[in-house]
Structures are given as C-alpha cells and as structure tokens.
C-alpha cells in the first residue's frame, strides 16, 4: 500500500482526502456564516423601522433652524457602498454631521446629537456669544462699518448691525480679512495671550476702546484719542512690567491726568517707553 507523508504524520490517501474535504466544508460554512451575517446586517440597516426619518433642533430659539435640519438631512442622504443607507440608526455618521454643521454655521459653538426610538435624531446646539467686533479699516466704533461679531476665542462668526457709541471693543486690521465669517482674528493661543494683556491694562487704569493690527504691530486706541503701540512678537509680560514701572515713576505720577493727555505711548523699544502729549 502506498503511503503519503504530510511531514509529521503518515496518512493513507483516503484519510488525506477526507481531511481536505472536511477543511473545505469548514471553509464553506464560515463563508456562508459571513454572508448570512452581512446579509442580515444589510437587511437591518435598510429596514424602515431603523431608518432616521425625523430631524429636530432642540433649541427653539436657535438661528437657522430650518437650515440646520436641511444640512443634517443632506449628510444623512445616500448610501455606504451603494447598499447601506447613511440614515440607518446603526451607522449614521454622527461625527460627520457635527463637523458639517460647525463648518456650515460658524455661529454654532457646539453640536450634540441624540437618537431616540431609532427614528428621530435630535440636534442640540449652543451658539457663540458676541464678545467684541471685528471691523475692516475701522479703529473706533463711532466710525466703524462692515463689522462682524467676534467671540471670546477670536472667531468671527456673524455680521453685526450698525452701532452708535462704544458698545463693543473693536478689533481691526489694516488689510481687511476676506470673507471673514468663520475666520479667526488671530490664532487662538495668540488671541488669548493678547486678550490677557489688554485685560491686565485695566489695573493700570488703561481702558482701550479698540485694537488695530498692522504688519508686526498692535495699536491700542484710548478714549481720549491717544494710542499705545507695541510689537506683536514682544513678551507682553515684560511690556506690562515696563509700563507699570513707567506709570508708577514719581515724575509721571506727579503729572495730573497723565493718561488723558497723551498722544501716544510707544512700547516698541525694549525696556523703554516713549511718549508725547497731545497739543
């Protein structure tokens, strides 16, 4: 009798054929099982009971409610691989919807989704709060035009109506930002650093109305018409320390209403403050 070796065990031809047949049956059963699972999954995702058919915006006062609903539905339309609907409660693209809404509606600060009864998708949004204005080619609210609301993170998110008087702090650039809605006045870390410096100035009784950004310089505009100039890349902690030392110097303190009379304070030179009174 002829013997066939598989390397470790000696088997007869009949035993070898049976082993191969068993392996093929097992493979076929695995493939059938996979197909059954995939088919069942596709069937469930396409079943009407598990299809998102309603989208609701939770906040009744939210702006652009109808547009938010339509934008959400647009992401839910279509299929994955031509078979699985994106509107299926099992596989709907929640992260993509959130990202799409935030990109489409800059006024929105956050978006949260909640699915109920496998058919209703609730969209909960929070809106950005106006913190200041961004105005192109304007350094004072009284003459500002084409202004936009800007939030505490420096993001420009909506057009602003015309204002009279000092209503909001104004940020401006020499070169207007094109299509500013959705853009930042400065990167977040730079804006936070700058904002902290401006807020610290109030401890020195300096309360600017506006900030202009030109080239590599900032100009802070004061209520009396004077201005403070500093370099964008300076260490603001050192600038603040130098300014504090300057304003607390006896020669400066002895002059009444010093800040109300200045034309400018130039802080662009390290460890020096240049100044001039208005004529």
C-alpha atoms as a PDB file:
ATOM      1  CA  UNK A   1       0.000   0.000   0.000  1.00  0.00           C
ATOM      2  CA  UNK A   2       1.310   3.439  -0.958  1.00  0.00           C
ATOM      3  CA  UNK A   3       1.843   5.842   1.966  1.00  0.00           C
ATOM      4  CA  UNK A   4       1.681   9.627   1.671  1.00  0.00           C
ATOM      5  CA  UNK A   5       3.504  11.745   4.226  1.00  0.00           C
ATOM      6  CA  UNK A   6       2.371  15.236   5.228  1.00  0.00           C
ATOM      7  CA  UNK A   7       5.625  15.883   7.072  1.00  0.00           C
ATOM      8  CA  UNK A   8       4.821  14.812  10.600  1.00  0.00           C
ATOM      9  CA  UNK A   9       2.215  12.045  10.316  1.00  0.00           C
ATOM     10  CA  UNK A  10       1.904   9.253   7.787  1.00  0.00           C
ATOM     11  CA  UNK A  11      -1.621   9.094   6.269  1.00  0.00           C
ATOM     12  CA  UNK A  12      -3.335   6.946   3.727  1.00  0.00           C
ATOM     13  CA  UNK A  13      -4.694   8.576   0.536  1.00  0.00           C
ATOM     14  CA  UNK A  14      -8.263   8.084   1.812  1.00  0.00           C
ATOM     15  CA  UNK A  15      -7.558   9.787   5.107  1.00  0.00           C
ATOM     16  CA  UNK A  16      -5.868  12.686   3.321  1.00  0.00           C
ATOM     17  CA  UNK A  17      -8.874  13.192   1.002  1.00  0.00           C
ATOM     18  CA  UNK A  18     -11.288  13.127   3.945  1.00  0.00           C
ATOM     19  CA  UNK A  19      -9.196  15.709   5.761  1.00  0.00           C
ATOM     20  CA  UNK A  20      -9.162  18.009   2.737  1.00  0.00           C
ATOM     21  CA  UNK A  21     -12.917  17.606   2.279  1.00  0.00           C
ATOM     22  CA  UNK A  22     -13.516  18.478   5.941  1.00  0.00           C
ATOM     23  CA  UNK A  23     -11.396  21.613   5.612  1.00  0.00           C
ATOM     24  CA  UNK A  24     -13.331  22.687   2.528  1.00  0.00           C
ATOM     25  CA  UNK A  25     -16.655  22.131   4.276  1.00  0.00           C
ATOM     26  CA  UNK A  26     -15.491  24.166   7.264  1.00  0.00           C
ATOM     27  CA  UNK A  27     -14.362  26.985   4.961  1.00  0.00           C
ATOM     28  CA  UNK A  28     -17.672  26.890   3.103  1.00  0.00           C
ATOM     29  CA  UNK A  29     -19.594  27.037   6.382  1.00  0.00           C
ATOM     30  CA  UNK A  30     -17.514  30.016   7.512  1.00  0.00           C
ATOM     31  CA  UNK A  31     -18.176  31.814   4.218  1.00  0.00           C
ATOM     32  CA  UNK A  32     -21.881  31.039   4.440  1.00  0.00           C
ATOM     33  CA  UNK A  33     -21.921  32.317   8.022  1.00  0.00           C
ATOM     34  CA  UNK A  34     -20.205  35.535   6.996  1.00  0.00           C
ATOM     35  CA  UNK A  35     -22.627  36.025   4.119  1.00  0.00           C
ATOM     36  CA  UNK A  36     -25.594  35.410   6.436  1.00  0.00           C
ATOM     37  CA  UNK A  37     -24.258  37.952   8.944  1.00  0.00           C
ATOM     38  CA  UNK A  38     -23.540  40.558   6.263  1.00  0.00           C
ATOM     39  CA  UNK A  39     -26.920  39.996   4.617  1.00  0.00           C
ATOM     40  CA  UNK A  40     -28.692  40.234   7.971  1.00  0.00           C
ATOM     41  CA  UNK A  41     -26.822  43.433   8.813  1.00  0.00           C
ATOM     42  CA  UNK A  42     -27.657  44.979   5.424  1.00  0.00           C
ATOM     43  CA  UNK A  43     -31.296  43.922   5.859  1.00  0.00           C
ATOM     44  CA  UNK A  44     -31.499  45.512   9.311  1.00  0.00           C
ATOM     45  CA  UNK A  45     -29.835  48.750   8.202  1.00  0.00           C
ATOM     46  CA  UNK A  46     -32.311  49.036   5.336  1.00  0.00           C
ATOM     47  CA  UNK A  47     -35.363  48.173   7.427  1.00  0.00           C
ATOM     48  CA  UNK A  48     -37.768  51.094   7.733  1.00  0.00           C
ATOM     49  CA  UNK A  49     -38.014  50.576  11.485  1.00  0.00           C
ATOM     50  CA  UNK A  50     -34.373  51.553  11.904  1.00  0.00           C
ATOM     51  CA  UNK A  51     -34.245  54.450   9.430  1.00  0.00           C
ATOM     52  CA  UNK A  52     -33.929  58.026  10.727  1.00  0.00           C
ATOM     53  CA  UNK A  53     -36.974  59.786   9.326  1.00  0.00           C
ATOM     54  CA  UNK A  54     -37.144  62.911  11.512  1.00  0.00           C
ATOM     55  CA  UNK A  55     -34.606  65.561  12.477  1.00  0.00           C
ATOM     56  CA  UNK A  56     -35.359  68.096  15.193  1.00  0.00           C
ATOM     57  CA  UNK A  57     -33.368  71.047  16.556  1.00  0.00           C
ATOM     58  CA  UNK A  58     -33.832  71.038  20.323  1.00  0.00           C
ATOM     59  CA  UNK A  59     -33.314  74.768  20.962  1.00  0.00           C
ATOM     60  CA  UNK A  60     -36.448  76.575  19.803  1.00  0.00           C
ATOM     61  CA  UNK A  61     -34.625  79.904  19.637  1.00  0.00           C
ATOM     62  CA  UNK A  62     -31.721  78.608  17.556  1.00  0.00           C
ATOM     63  CA  UNK A  63     -30.946  80.620  14.457  1.00  0.00           C
ATOM     64  CA  UNK A  64     -31.281  78.990  11.061  1.00  0.00           C
ATOM     65  CA  UNK A  65     -33.316  76.087  12.477  1.00  0.00           C
ATOM     66  CA  UNK A  66     -34.674  75.014   9.097  1.00  0.00           C
ATOM     67  CA  UNK A  67     -31.237  75.306   7.507  1.00  0.00           C
ATOM     68  CA  UNK A  68     -29.676  73.181  10.270  1.00  0.00           C
ATOM     69  CA  UNK A  69     -32.289  70.483   9.688  1.00  0.00           C
ATOM     70  CA  UNK A  70     -31.726  70.514   5.933  1.00  0.00           C
ATOM     71  CA  UNK A  71     -27.937  70.420   6.359  1.00  0.00           C
ATOM     72  CA  UNK A  72     -28.268  67.425   8.686  1.00  0.00           C
ATOM     73  CA  UNK A  73     -30.524  65.602   6.238  1.00  0.00           C
ATOM     74  CA  UNK A  74     -28.092  66.252   3.412  1.00  0.00           C
ATOM     75  CA  UNK A  75     -25.376  64.342   5.292  1.00  0.00           C
ATOM     76  CA  UNK A  76     -27.826  61.512   6.028  1.00  0.00           C
ATOM     77  CA  UNK A  77     -28.716  61.100   2.357  1.00  0.00           C
ATOM     78  CA  UNK A  78     -27.096  58.458   0.176  1.00  0.00           C
ATOM     79  CA  UNK A  79     -25.569  55.086   0.952  1.00  0.00           C
ATOM     80  CA  UNK A  80     -22.359  53.406   2.017  1.00  0.00           C
ATOM     81  CA  UNK A  81     -21.083  51.092  -0.754  1.00  0.00           C
ATOM     82  CA  UNK A  82     -24.410  51.550  -2.592  1.00  0.00           C
ATOM     83  CA  UNK A  83     -26.106  49.216  -0.076  1.00  0.00           C
ATOM     84  CA  UNK A  84     -26.235  50.638   3.450  1.00  0.00           C
ATOM     85  CA  UNK A  85     -28.204  53.884   3.948  1.00  0.00           C
ATOM     86  CA  UNK A  86     -26.432  56.647   5.849  1.00  0.00           C
ATOM     87  CA  UNK A  87     -29.751  57.352   7.552  1.00  0.00           C
ATOM     88  CA  UNK A  88     -29.707  53.955   9.267  1.00  0.00           C
ATOM     89  CA  UNK A  89     -29.777  54.335  13.044  1.00  0.00           C
ATOM     90  CA  UNK A  90     -26.986  51.751  13.277  1.00  0.00           C
ATOM     91  CA  UNK A  91     -24.443  53.543  11.125  1.00  0.00           C
ATOM     92  CA  UNK A  92     -25.467  57.186  10.725  1.00  0.00           C
ATOM     93  CA  UNK A  93     -22.374  59.463  10.500  1.00  0.00           C
ATOM     94  CA  UNK A  94     -22.675  61.427  13.745  1.00  0.00           C
ATOM     95  CA  UNK A  95     -19.143  62.879  13.674  1.00  0.00           C
ATOM     96  CA  UNK A  96     -19.522  63.965  10.068  1.00  0.00           C
ATOM     97  CA  UNK A  97     -22.853  65.660  10.819  1.00  0.00           C
ATOM     98  CA  UNK A  98     -21.360  67.588  13.752  1.00  0.00           C
ATOM     99  CA  UNK A  99     -18.348  68.695  11.699  1.00  0.00           C
ATOM    100  CA  UNK A 100     -20.553  69.690   8.761  1.00  0.00           C
ATOM    101  CA  UNK A 101     -22.863  71.805  10.915  1.00  0.00           C
ATOM    102  CA  UNK A 102     -19.974  73.572  12.670  1.00  0.00           C
ATOM    103  CA  UNK A 103     -18.360  74.350   9.319  1.00  0.00           C
ATOM    104  CA  UNK A 104     -21.624  75.463   7.693  1.00  0.00           C
ATOM    105  CA  UNK A 105     -22.835  77.611  10.586  1.00  0.00           C
ATOM    106  CA  UNK A 106     -19.905  79.497  12.206  1.00  0.00           C
ATOM    107  CA  UNK A 107     -22.313  80.949  14.782  1.00  0.00           C
ATOM    108  CA  UNK A 108     -22.591  77.476  16.344  1.00  0.00           C
ATOM    109  CA  UNK A 109     -20.090  76.780  19.108  1.00  0.00           C
ATOM    110  CA  UNK A 110     -21.013  73.138  19.741  1.00  0.00           C
ATOM    111  CA  UNK A 111     -23.293  70.443  18.322  1.00  0.00           C
ATOM    112  CA  UNK A 112     -24.550  67.304  20.049  1.00  0.00           C
ATOM    113  CA  UNK A 113     -26.691  64.551  18.550  1.00  0.00           C
ATOM    114  CA  UNK A 114     -29.090  62.200  20.291  1.00  0.00           C
ATOM    115  CA  UNK A 115     -31.063  59.372  18.705  1.00  0.00           C
ATOM    116  CA  UNK A 116     -34.426  58.349  20.132  1.00  0.00           C
ATOM    117  CA  UNK A 117     -36.682  55.450  19.108  1.00  0.00           C
ATOM    118  CA  UNK A 118     -34.201  54.613  16.330  1.00  0.00           C
ATOM    119  CA  UNK A 119     -36.032  57.049  14.038  1.00  0.00           C
ATOM    120  CA  UNK A 120     -35.717  60.560  15.446  1.00  0.00           C
ATOM    121  CA  UNK A 121     -32.446  62.480  15.530  1.00  0.00           C
ATOM    122  CA  UNK A 122     -32.322  65.434  17.928  1.00  0.00           C
ATOM    123  CA  UNK A 123     -29.741  68.130  17.276  1.00  0.00           C
ATOM    124  CA  UNK A 124     -28.721  70.194  20.306  1.00  0.00           C
ATOM    125  CA  UNK A 125     -26.683  73.314  19.587  1.00  0.00           C
ATOM    126  CA  UNK A 126     -25.082  76.134  21.533  1.00  0.00           C
ATOM    127  CA  UNK A 127     -24.376  79.455  19.857  1.00  0.00           C
ATOM    128  CA  UNK A 128     -21.373  81.730  20.145  1.00  0.00           C
ATOM    129  CA  UNK A 129     -21.861  84.858  22.232  1.00  0.00           C
ATOM    130  CA  UNK A 130     -20.733  88.260  20.900  1.00  0.00           C
ATOM    131  CA  UNK A 131     -17.614  89.365  22.755  1.00  0.00           C
ATOM    132  CA  UNK A 132     -16.237  92.097  20.525  1.00  0.00           C
ATOM    133  CA  UNK A 133     -16.363  93.410  16.969  1.00  0.00           C
ATOM    134  CA  UNK A 134     -14.114  92.893  14.009  1.00  0.00           C
ATOM    135  CA  UNK A 135     -14.335  95.896  11.698  1.00  0.00           C
ATOM    136  CA  UNK A 136     -12.414  96.250   8.463  1.00  0.00           C
ATOM    137  CA  UNK A 137     -10.468  99.510   8.157  1.00  0.00           C
ATOM    138  CA  UNK A 138     -12.021 100.932  11.338  1.00  0.00           C
ATOM    139  CA  UNK A 139     -10.434 101.672  14.676  1.00  0.00           C
ATOM    140  CA  UNK A 140     -13.329 103.239  16.553  1.00  0.00           C
ATOM    141  CA  UNK A 141     -16.976 102.108  16.931  1.00  0.00           C
ATOM    142  CA  UNK A 142     -18.263 105.567  16.056  1.00  0.00           C
ATOM    143  CA  UNK A 143     -16.852 105.332  12.524  1.00  0.00           C
ATOM    144  CA  UNK A 144     -16.946 101.571  12.075  1.00  0.00           C
ATOM    145  CA  UNK A 145     -18.658  99.937   9.123  1.00  0.00           C
ATOM    146  CA  UNK A 146     -18.779  96.388   7.795  1.00  0.00           C
ATOM    147  CA  UNK A 147     -18.444  94.977  11.287  1.00  0.00           C
ATOM    148  CA  UNK A 148     -18.770  91.391  12.451  1.00  0.00           C
ATOM    149  CA  UNK A 149     -19.280  89.744  15.809  1.00  0.00           C
ATOM    150  CA  UNK A 150     -16.252  88.020  17.277  1.00  0.00           C
ATOM    151  CA  UNK A 151     -16.381  85.616  20.250  1.00  0.00           C
ATOM    152  CA  UNK A 152     -14.051  85.220  23.244  1.00  0.00           C
ATOM    153  CA  UNK A 153     -11.853  82.852  21.222  1.00  0.00           C
ATOM    154  CA  UNK A 154     -11.296  85.360  18.431  1.00  0.00           C
ATOM    155  CA  UNK A 155     -13.540  83.626  15.887  1.00  0.00           C
ATOM    156  CA  UNK A 156     -15.565  85.905  13.591  1.00  0.00           C
ATOM    157  CA  UNK A 157     -18.994  84.313  13.311  1.00  0.00           C
ATOM    158  CA  UNK A 158     -21.714  86.722  12.127  1.00  0.00           C
ATOM    159  CA  UNK A 159     -22.415  90.117  10.642  1.00  0.00           C
ATOM    160  CA  UNK A 160     -23.109  92.838  13.199  1.00  0.00           C
ATOM    161  CA  UNK A 161     -25.607  95.683  12.854  1.00  0.00           C
ATOM    162  CA  UNK A 162     -24.510  99.301  12.980  1.00  0.00           C
ATOM    163  CA  UNK A 163     -23.733 100.625  16.447  1.00  0.00           C
ATOM    164  CA  UNK A 164     -23.568 104.116  17.868  1.00  0.00           C
ATOM    165  CA  UNK A 165     -21.257 104.874  20.754  1.00  0.00           C
ATOM    166  CA  UNK A 166     -18.902 102.450  22.454  1.00  0.00           C
ATOM    167  CA  UNK A 167     -20.855  99.202  22.587  1.00  0.00           C
ATOM    168  CA  UNK A 168     -18.178  96.569  21.972  1.00  0.00           C
ATOM    169  CA  UNK A 169     -14.408  96.529  21.900  1.00  0.00           C
ATOM    170  CA  UNK A 170     -13.236  96.746  18.298  1.00  0.00           C
ATOM    171  CA  UNK A 171     -10.538  94.657  16.633  1.00  0.00           C
ATOM    172  CA  UNK A 172      -9.381  95.837  13.231  1.00  0.00           C
ATOM    173  CA  UNK A 173      -6.778  95.034  10.614  1.00  0.00           C
ATOM    174  CA  UNK A 174      -5.096  97.336   8.128  1.00  0.00           C
ATOM    175  CA  UNK A 175      -5.688  94.758   5.403  1.00  0.00           C
ATOM    176  CA  UNK A 176      -9.294  93.509   5.637  1.00  0.00           C
ATOM    177  CA  UNK A 177      -9.812  89.784   6.150  1.00  0.00           C
ATOM    178  CA  UNK A 178     -11.512  88.422   3.042  1.00  0.00           C
ATOM    179  CA  UNK A 179     -14.771  86.588   3.729  1.00  0.00           C
ATOM    180  CA  UNK A 180     -14.220  86.973   7.491  1.00  0.00           C
ATOM    181  CA  UNK A 181     -17.132  84.855   8.755  1.00  0.00           C
ATOM    182  CA  UNK A 182     -15.654  81.609  10.037  1.00  0.00           C
ATOM    183  CA  UNK A 183     -12.133  83.049  10.217  1.00  0.00           C
ATOM    184  CA  UNK A 184     -10.109  83.943  13.311  1.00  0.00           C
ATOM    185  CA  UNK A 185      -8.755  87.402  14.000  1.00  0.00           C
ATOM    186  CA  UNK A 186      -5.619  85.628  15.293  1.00  0.00           C
ATOM    187  CA  UNK A 187      -4.754  82.008  16.114  1.00  0.00           C
ATOM    188  CA  UNK A 188      -6.391  81.005  19.393  1.00  0.00           C
ATOM    189  CA  UNK A 189      -3.218  80.983  21.526  1.00  0.00           C
ATOM    190  CA  UNK A 190      -2.087  84.387  20.201  1.00  0.00           C
ATOM    191  CA  UNK A 191      -5.529  85.889  20.712  1.00  0.00           C
ATOM    192  CA  UNK A 192      -5.748  84.603  24.293  1.00  0.00           C
ATOM    193  CA  UNK A 193      -2.285  85.999  25.068  1.00  0.00           C
ATOM    194  CA  UNK A 194      -3.197  89.391  23.592  1.00  0.00           C
ATOM    195  CA  UNK A 195      -6.555  89.480  25.345  1.00  0.00           C
ATOM    196  CA  UNK A 196      -4.952  88.733  28.695  1.00  0.00           C
ATOM    197  CA  UNK A 197      -2.566  91.671  28.187  1.00  0.00           C
ATOM    198  CA  UNK A 198      -5.427  94.045  27.319  1.00  0.00           C
ATOM    199  CA  UNK A 199      -7.412  92.950  30.363  1.00  0.00           C
ATOM    200  CA  UNK A 200      -4.387  93.461  32.622  1.00  0.00           C
ATOM    201  CA  UNK A 201      -4.134  97.064  31.439  1.00  0.00           C
ATOM    202  CA  UNK A 202      -7.289  97.894  33.390  1.00  0.00           C
ATOM    203  CA  UNK A 203      -5.274  97.504  36.624  1.00  0.00           C
ATOM    204  CA  UNK A 204      -3.246 100.487  35.386  1.00  0.00           C
ATOM    205  CA  UNK A 205      -6.431 102.432  34.680  1.00  0.00           C
ATOM    206  CA  UNK A 206      -5.909 101.982  30.937  1.00  0.00           C
ATOM    207  CA  UNK A 207      -9.148 101.068  29.182  1.00  0.00           C
ATOM    208  CA  UNK A 208      -8.662 100.967  25.401  1.00  0.00           C
ATOM    209  CA  UNK A 209     -11.617 101.028  23.026  1.00  0.00           C
ATOM    210  CA  UNK A 210     -10.044  99.321  20.035  1.00  0.00           C
ATOM    211  CA  UNK A 211      -7.010  97.470  18.745  1.00  0.00           C
ATOM    212  CA  UNK A 212      -5.543  97.816  15.293  1.00  0.00           C
ATOM    213  CA  UNK A 213      -3.267  95.177  13.762  1.00  0.00           C
ATOM    214  CA  UNK A 214      -0.856  96.307  11.056  1.00  0.00           C
ATOM    215  CA  UNK A 215       2.223  94.440   9.867  1.00  0.00           C
ATOM    216  CA  UNK A 216       4.017  93.357  13.027  1.00  0.00           C
ATOM    217  CA  UNK A 217       2.492  95.949  15.348  1.00  0.00           C
ATOM    218  CA  UNK A 218      -0.558  96.435  17.546  1.00  0.00           C
ATOM    219  CA  UNK A 219      -2.035  99.845  18.291  1.00  0.00           C
ATOM    220  CA  UNK A 220      -4.410 100.250  21.221  1.00  0.00           C
ATOM    221  CA  UNK A 221      -6.726 103.252  20.893  1.00  0.00           C
ATOM    222  CA  UNK A 222      -7.747 105.091  24.054  1.00  0.00           C
ATOM    223  CA  UNK A 223     -10.945 107.066  24.839  1.00  0.00           C
ATOM    224  CA  UNK A 224      -9.078 110.386  24.740  1.00  0.00           C
ATOM    225  CA  UNK A 225      -7.814 109.733  21.203  1.00  0.00           C
ATOM    226  CA  UNK A 226      -4.315 108.657  22.240  1.00  0.00           C
ATOM    227  CA  UNK A 227      -2.806 105.301  21.429  1.00  0.00           C
ATOM    228  CA  UNK A 228      -0.377 102.687  22.752  1.00  0.00           C
ATOM    229  CA  UNK A 229       1.888 100.945  20.250  1.00  0.00           C
ATOM    230  CA  UNK A 230       3.724  97.655  20.769  1.00  0.00           C
ATOM    231  CA  UNK A 231       5.251  94.883  18.710  1.00  0.00           C
ATOM    232  CA  UNK A 232       3.222  91.772  18.027  1.00  0.00           C
ATOM    233  CA  UNK A 233       6.049  89.399  18.924  1.00  0.00           C
ATOM    234  CA  UNK A 234       7.075  91.112  22.165  1.00  0.00           C
ATOM    235  CA  UNK A 235       6.938  89.416  25.546  1.00  0.00           C
ATOM    236  CA  UNK A 236       3.767  91.047  26.856  1.00  0.00           C
ATOM    237  CA  UNK A 237       4.643  90.197  30.466  1.00  0.00           C
ATOM    238  CA  UNK A 238       7.824  92.273  30.146  1.00  0.00           C
ATOM    239  CA  UNK A 239       5.967  95.035  28.309  1.00  0.00           C
ATOM    240  CA  UNK A 240       3.393  95.175  31.089  1.00  0.00           C
ATOM    241  CA  UNK A 241       6.114  95.252  33.736  1.00  0.00           C
ATOM    242  CA  UNK A 242       7.937  98.108  31.982  1.00  0.00           C
ATOM    243  CA  UNK A 243       4.707 100.059  31.547  1.00  0.00           C
ATOM    244  CA  UNK A 244       3.832  99.591  35.209  1.00  0.00           C
ATOM    245  CA  UNK A 245       7.257 100.860  36.269  1.00  0.00           C
ATOM    246  CA  UNK A 246       6.897 103.843  33.937  1.00  0.00           C
ATOM    247  CA  UNK A 247       3.441 104.861  35.179  1.00  0.00           C
ATOM    248  CA  UNK A 248       4.423 104.499  38.846  1.00  0.00           C
ATOM    249  CA  UNK A 249       7.539 106.618  38.452  1.00  0.00           C
ATOM    250  CA  UNK A 250       7.244 109.757  40.594  1.00  0.00           C
ATOM    251  CA  UNK A 251       7.933 112.044  37.634  1.00  0.00           C
ATOM    252  CA  UNK A 252       4.950 110.586  35.778  1.00  0.00           C
ATOM    253  CA  UNK A 253       2.676 110.266  38.808  1.00  0.00           C
ATOM    254  CA  UNK A 254       3.223 113.951  39.594  1.00  0.00           C
ATOM    255  CA  UNK A 255       1.560 114.955  36.321  1.00  0.00           C
ATOM    256  CA  UNK A 256      -2.224 115.106  36.760  1.00  0.00           C
ATOM    257  CA  UNK A 257      -4.369 113.136  34.312  1.00  0.00           C
ATOM    258  CA  UNK A 258      -1.288 111.890  32.502  1.00  0.00           C
ATOM    259  CA  UNK A 259      -3.089 109.174  30.540  1.00  0.00           C
ATOM    260  CA  UNK A 260      -5.837 111.557  29.466  1.00  0.00           C
ATOM    261  CA  UNK A 261      -3.321 113.913  27.871  1.00  0.00           C
ATOM    262  CA  UNK A 262      -1.015 111.569  25.981  1.00  0.00           C
ATOM    263  CA  UNK A 263      -0.924 111.422  22.206  1.00  0.00           C
ATOM    264  CA  UNK A 264       0.951 108.135  22.263  1.00  0.00           C
ATOM    265  CA  UNK A 265       2.860 105.669  24.414  1.00  0.00           C
ATOM    266  CA  UNK A 266       5.425 103.828  22.311  1.00  0.00           C
ATOM    267  CA  UNK A 267       6.374 100.471  23.853  1.00  0.00           C
ATOM    268  CA  UNK A 268       8.185  99.046  20.839  1.00  0.00           C
ATOM    269  CA  UNK A 269      11.680  99.574  22.285  1.00  0.00           C
ATOM    270  CA  UNK A 270      12.780  97.074  24.905  1.00  0.00           C
ATOM    271  CA  UNK A 271      12.886  98.469  28.455  1.00  0.00           C
ATOM    272  CA  UNK A 272      11.904 101.940  27.241  1.00  0.00           C
ATOM    273  CA  UNK A 273       8.692 103.935  26.981  1.00  0.00           C
ATOM    274  CA  UNK A 274       8.499 106.857  24.594  1.00  0.00           C
ATOM    275  CA  UNK A 275       5.598 109.229  24.985  1.00  0.00           C
ATOM    276  CA  UNK A 276       4.190 112.515  23.830  1.00  0.00           C
ATOM    277  CA  UNK A 277       1.365 114.773  24.992  1.00  0.00           C
ATOM    278  CA  UNK A 278      -1.394 115.984  22.743  1.00  0.00           C
ATOM    279  CA  UNK A 279      -1.015 119.586  21.628  1.00  0.00           C
END
